[in-house]
Each structure stands twice: as C-alpha cells, then as structure tokens.
Amino acid sequence: MIDTEQILNDKDFFKSFKNATDLESFFKKLHKKAVEQMLEAELDTHLDTEKHQRTKDGNYRKGIFPKK
C-alpha cells in the first residue's frame, strides 16, 4: 500500500507541477485511472474470472475464440 502521508509531505512531488492546470490535469488522470481500476475489479468479481483467464465452462474472458 502507498504511504499517502509520505506523498503529501514530499515537496519534490508538488514542485513537479508548474501551475494549477498541471495539478488539475494530474488529478483528472488519477481519477480516470482509479475509476477504471475499480470497474475492472468489479467486473472480475462479477464474472468470477480475471481478464484473459479461462472460465469454468472453458471460455476465455475477452478471448479471440467463439463461445462454446
């Protein structure tokens, strides 16, 4: 797990943003990535398989072969 306190106290991290637009862009990218990861995890749980993993009935999730 990431130590958020360490990031929040890292002056070099904040110096990497030149202006408010850079910071806003970073937060938008972070938010997008977080939502994508949460949706992917929800889909894994719902389908009971991870991406490219064979299902119980022999199909692949997001595979190239037709369904059996």
C-alpha atoms as a PDB file:
ATOM      1  CA  MET A   1       0.000   0.000   0.000  1.00  0.00           C
ATOM      2  CA  ILE A   2       1.192   3.525  -0.736  1.00  0.00           C
ATOM      3  CA  ASP A   3       2.052   5.773   2.189  1.00  0.00           C
ATOM      4  CA  THR A   4      -0.121   8.811   1.440  1.00  0.00           C
ATOM      5  CA  GLU A   5       1.446  10.865   4.246  1.00  0.00           C
ATOM      6  CA  GLN A   6       4.844  10.447   2.623  1.00  0.00           C
ATOM      7  CA  ILE A   7       3.481  11.708  -0.702  1.00  0.00           C
ATOM      8  CA  LEU A   8       1.654  14.620   0.932  1.00  0.00           C
ATOM      9  CA  ASN A   9       4.861  15.690   2.685  1.00  0.00           C
ATOM     10  CA  ASP A  10       7.087  15.261  -0.399  1.00  0.00           C
ATOM     11  CA  LYS A  11       7.952  18.771  -1.581  1.00  0.00           C
ATOM     12  CA  ASP A  12       9.552  17.451  -4.780  1.00  0.00           C
ATOM     13  CA  PHE A  13       6.249  15.857  -5.755  1.00  0.00           C
ATOM     14  CA  PHE A  14       4.466  19.196  -5.552  1.00  0.00           C
ATOM     15  CA  LYS A  15       7.308  21.047  -7.251  1.00  0.00           C
ATOM     16  CA  SER A  16       6.734  18.862 -10.322  1.00  0.00           C
ATOM     17  CA  PHE A  17       3.535  20.847 -11.005  1.00  0.00           C
ATOM     18  CA  LYS A  18       4.277  24.174 -12.646  1.00  0.00           C
ATOM     19  CA  ASN A  19       0.794  25.634 -12.253  1.00  0.00           C
ATOM     20  CA  ALA A  20      -2.781  24.827 -11.272  1.00  0.00           C
ATOM     21  CA  THR A  21      -3.527  23.438 -14.735  1.00  0.00           C
ATOM     22  CA  ASP A  22      -0.787  20.803 -14.360  1.00  0.00           C
ATOM     23  CA  LEU A  23      -2.155  19.807 -10.960  1.00  0.00           C
ATOM     24  CA  GLU A  24      -5.713  19.657 -12.294  1.00  0.00           C
ATOM     25  CA  SER A  25      -4.586  17.528 -15.237  1.00  0.00           C
ATOM     26  CA  PHE A  26      -2.828  15.141 -12.846  1.00  0.00           C
ATOM     27  CA  PHE A  27      -5.959  14.777 -10.711  1.00  0.00           C
ATOM     28  CA  LYS A  28      -8.116  14.104 -13.772  1.00  0.00           C
ATOM     29  CA  LYS A  29      -5.727  11.352 -14.917  1.00  0.00           C
ATOM     30  CA  LEU A  30      -5.577   9.912 -11.404  1.00  0.00           C
ATOM     31  CA  HIS A  31      -9.373   9.916 -11.107  1.00  0.00           C
ATOM     32  CA  LYS A  32      -9.793   8.273 -14.521  1.00  0.00           C
ATOM     33  CA  LYS A  33      -7.265   5.546 -13.706  1.00  0.00           C
ATOM     34  CA  ALA A  34      -8.838   4.887 -10.291  1.00  0.00           C
ATOM     35  CA  VAL A  35     -12.339   4.550 -11.749  1.00  0.00           C
ATOM     36  CA  GLU A  36     -11.062   2.214 -14.495  1.00  0.00           C
ATOM     37  CA  GLN A  37      -9.299   0.010 -11.925  1.00  0.00           C
ATOM     38  CA  MET A  38     -12.383  -0.126  -9.688  1.00  0.00           C
ATOM     39  CA  LEU A  39     -14.651  -1.040 -12.617  1.00  0.00           C
ATOM     40  CA  GLU A  40     -12.198  -3.710 -13.763  1.00  0.00           C
ATOM     41  CA  ALA A  41     -12.147  -5.198 -10.246  1.00  0.00           C
ATOM     42  CA  GLU A  42     -15.942  -5.118 -10.110  1.00  0.00           C
ATOM     43  CA  LEU A  43     -16.143  -6.897 -13.471  1.00  0.00           C
ATOM     44  CA  ASP A  44     -13.606  -9.519 -12.320  1.00  0.00           C
ATOM     45  CA  THR A  45     -15.738 -10.177  -9.245  1.00  0.00           C
ATOM     46  CA  HIS A  46     -18.988 -10.263 -11.191  1.00  0.00           C
ATOM     47  CA  LEU A  47     -17.656 -12.654 -13.846  1.00  0.00           C
ATOM     48  CA  ASP A  48     -15.609 -14.622 -11.302  1.00  0.00           C
ATOM     49  CA  THR A  49     -12.577 -14.551 -13.623  1.00  0.00           C
ATOM     50  CA  GLU A  50      -9.775 -12.143 -14.351  1.00  0.00           C
ATOM     51  CA  LYS A  51      -9.036 -10.746 -17.789  1.00  0.00           C
ATOM     52  CA  HIS A  52      -7.698 -13.402 -20.218  1.00  0.00           C
ATOM     53  CA  GLN A  53      -8.384 -16.175 -17.692  1.00  0.00           C
ATOM     54  CA  ARG A  54     -10.303 -19.297 -18.709  1.00  0.00           C
ATOM     55  CA  THR A  55     -13.781 -19.559 -17.220  1.00  0.00           C
ATOM     56  CA  LYS A  56     -15.261 -22.654 -15.615  1.00  0.00           C
ATOM     57  CA  ASP A  57     -17.078 -23.602 -18.829  1.00  0.00           C
ATOM     58  CA  GLY A  58     -13.941 -23.338 -20.980  1.00  0.00           C
ATOM     59  CA  ASN A  59     -14.400 -19.866 -22.430  1.00  0.00           C
ATOM     60  CA  TYR A  60     -11.945 -17.025 -22.098  1.00  0.00           C
ATOM     61  CA  ARG A  61     -12.887 -13.602 -20.908  1.00  0.00           C
ATOM     62  CA  LYS A  62     -12.180 -11.272 -23.820  1.00  0.00           C
ATOM     63  CA  GLY A  63     -10.724 -14.105 -25.845  1.00  0.00           C
ATOM     64  CA  ILE A  64     -10.460 -14.481 -29.597  1.00  0.00           C
ATOM     65  CA  PHE A  65     -12.323 -17.759 -29.914  1.00  0.00           C
ATOM     66  CA  PRO A  66     -16.101 -18.025 -30.342  1.00  0.00           C
ATOM     67  CA  LYS A  67     -18.188 -19.045 -27.332  1.00  0.00           C
ATOM     68  CA  LYS A  68     -18.623 -22.767 -26.762  1.00  0.00           C
END
